Amino acid sequence: MKIRSLLMIVVLCTLLPVLFLAIFLSIVFHHQQRSAFELRYLERVRAFGLALDRELDAQIHALQILAESDALQGGDLKRFYERACSHPRGSNELGKYYLE
């Protein structure tokens, strides 16, 4: 064998394991990054779901209070509208929806 062939074999034997290690580590890193991304995404979705549940519960509670209004049951829409507009969040949307 010539020296050139031996040198080529030594270089390949040295570089191939390093190349395989680099490929393996790249794959592992990609999987870890993907898992971390999915975890962050799930946490955001859960937080958004909890916030949405809280908002819906508050709206349901406000509507239940308004539905029990004596003014509404007595037909006094003006007083009901005033009460609906004094909703704790300062939103008069509830009163507008029920007067239309």
Protein backbone atom coordinates (compact mmCIF):
# COMPACT_ATOMS: atom_id res chain seq x y z
CA MET A 1 0.00 0.00 0.00
CA LYS A 2 1.13 3.44 -0.74
CA ILE A 3 1.46 6.09 1.90
CA ARG A 4 -1.34 8.06 0.27
CA SER A 5 -3.77 5.15 0.70
CA LEU A 6 -2.75 4.62 4.32
CA LEU A 7 -3.12 8.29 5.06
CA MET A 8 -6.60 8.30 3.50
CA ILE A 9 -7.63 5.29 5.62
CA VAL A 10 -6.36 6.98 8.81
CA VAL A 11 -8.23 10.19 7.99
CA LEU A 12 -11.46 8.31 7.23
CA CYS A 13 -11.17 6.20 10.38
CA THR A 14 -10.73 9.38 12.36
CA LEU A 15 -13.42 11.48 10.72
CA LEU A 16 -16.19 8.92 10.33
CA PRO A 17 -16.79 8.42 14.08
CA VAL A 18 -16.76 12.18 14.57
CA LEU A 19 -19.24 12.59 11.72
CA PHE A 20 -21.55 9.91 13.14
CA LEU A 21 -21.32 11.48 16.59
CA ALA A 22 -22.22 14.90 15.14
CA ILE A 23 -25.21 13.44 13.31
CA PHE A 24 -26.38 11.58 16.42
CA LEU A 25 -26.04 14.67 18.63
CA SER A 26 -27.90 16.79 16.08
CA ILE A 27 -30.80 14.34 16.10
CA VAL A 28 -30.90 14.22 19.90
CA PHE A 29 -30.75 18.02 20.10
CA HIS A 30 -33.59 18.34 17.60
CA HIS A 31 -35.79 15.96 19.61
CA GLN A 32 -35.06 17.83 22.84
CA GLN A 33 -35.88 21.17 21.25
CA ARG A 34 -39.08 19.78 19.80
CA SER A 35 -40.15 18.40 23.19
CA ALA A 36 -39.40 21.71 24.89
CA PHE A 37 -41.42 23.57 22.24
CA GLU A 38 -44.38 21.24 22.68
CA LEU A 39 -44.25 21.64 26.45
CA ARG A 40 -44.22 25.45 26.19
CA TYR A 41 -47.08 25.30 23.69
CA LEU A 42 -49.16 23.09 25.98
CA GLU A 43 -48.54 25.41 28.91
CA ARG A 44 -49.76 28.38 26.85
CA VAL A 45 -52.86 26.50 25.76
CA ARG A 46 -53.66 25.52 29.35
CA ALA A 47 -53.18 29.09 30.56
CA PHE A 48 -55.39 30.41 27.77
CA GLY A 49 -58.03 27.81 28.61
CA LEU A 50 -57.99 28.78 32.28
CA ALA A 51 -58.28 32.46 31.43
CA LEU A 52 -61.16 31.73 29.09
CA ASP A 53 -62.90 29.62 31.75
CA ARG A 54 -62.50 32.44 34.29
CA GLU A 55 -63.91 34.98 31.84
CA LEU A 56 -66.86 32.76 30.96
CA ASP A 57 -67.58 32.06 34.63
CA ALA A 58 -67.59 35.79 35.36
CA GLN A 59 -69.95 36.44 32.46
CA ILE A 60 -72.27 33.62 33.53
CA HIS A 61 -72.27 34.92 37.09
CA ALA A 62 -73.10 38.44 35.91
CA LEU A 63 -75.91 37.14 33.71
CA GLN A 64 -77.31 35.06 36.57
CA ILE A 65 -77.37 38.12 38.80
CA LEU A 66 -79.07 40.16 36.10
CA ALA A 67 -81.59 37.40 35.44
CA GLU A 68 -82.65 37.48 39.08
CA SER A 69 -83.28 41.21 38.90
CA ASP A 70 -86.59 42.33 40.36
CA ALA A 71 -86.71 45.14 37.79
CA LEU A 72 -86.54 42.67 34.92
CA GLN A 73 -89.16 40.41 36.41
CA GLY A 74 -91.39 43.44 37.10
CA GLY A 75 -90.98 44.78 33.57
CA ASP A 76 -89.11 47.96 34.61
CA LEU A 77 -86.60 47.96 31.76
CA LYS A 78 -85.17 51.38 32.58
CA ARG A 79 -84.12 50.32 36.07
CA PHE A 80 -82.88 47.00 34.69
CA TYR A 81 -80.78 48.83 32.08
CA GLU A 82 -79.24 51.02 34.80
CA ARG A 83 -78.40 47.96 36.86
CA ALA A 84 -76.97 46.17 33.83
CA CYS A 85 -74.80 49.19 33.00
CA SER A 86 -73.44 49.25 36.54
CA HIS A 87 -71.89 45.83 35.98
CA PRO A 88 -68.65 45.59 38.04
CA ARG A 89 -66.48 45.51 34.91
CA GLY A 90 -68.00 48.77 33.77
CA SER A 91 -69.37 47.17 30.65
CA ASN A 92 -72.78 48.25 29.46
CA GLU A 93 -72.81 45.54 26.81
CA LEU A 94 -74.96 43.27 28.96
CA GLY A 95 -77.69 45.85 29.19
CA LYS A 96 -77.60 46.54 25.48
CA TYR A 97 -77.97 42.87 24.64
CA TYR A 98 -81.01 42.41 26.84
CA LEU A 99 -82.83 45.54 25.77
CA GLU A 100 -82.76 44.78 22.05
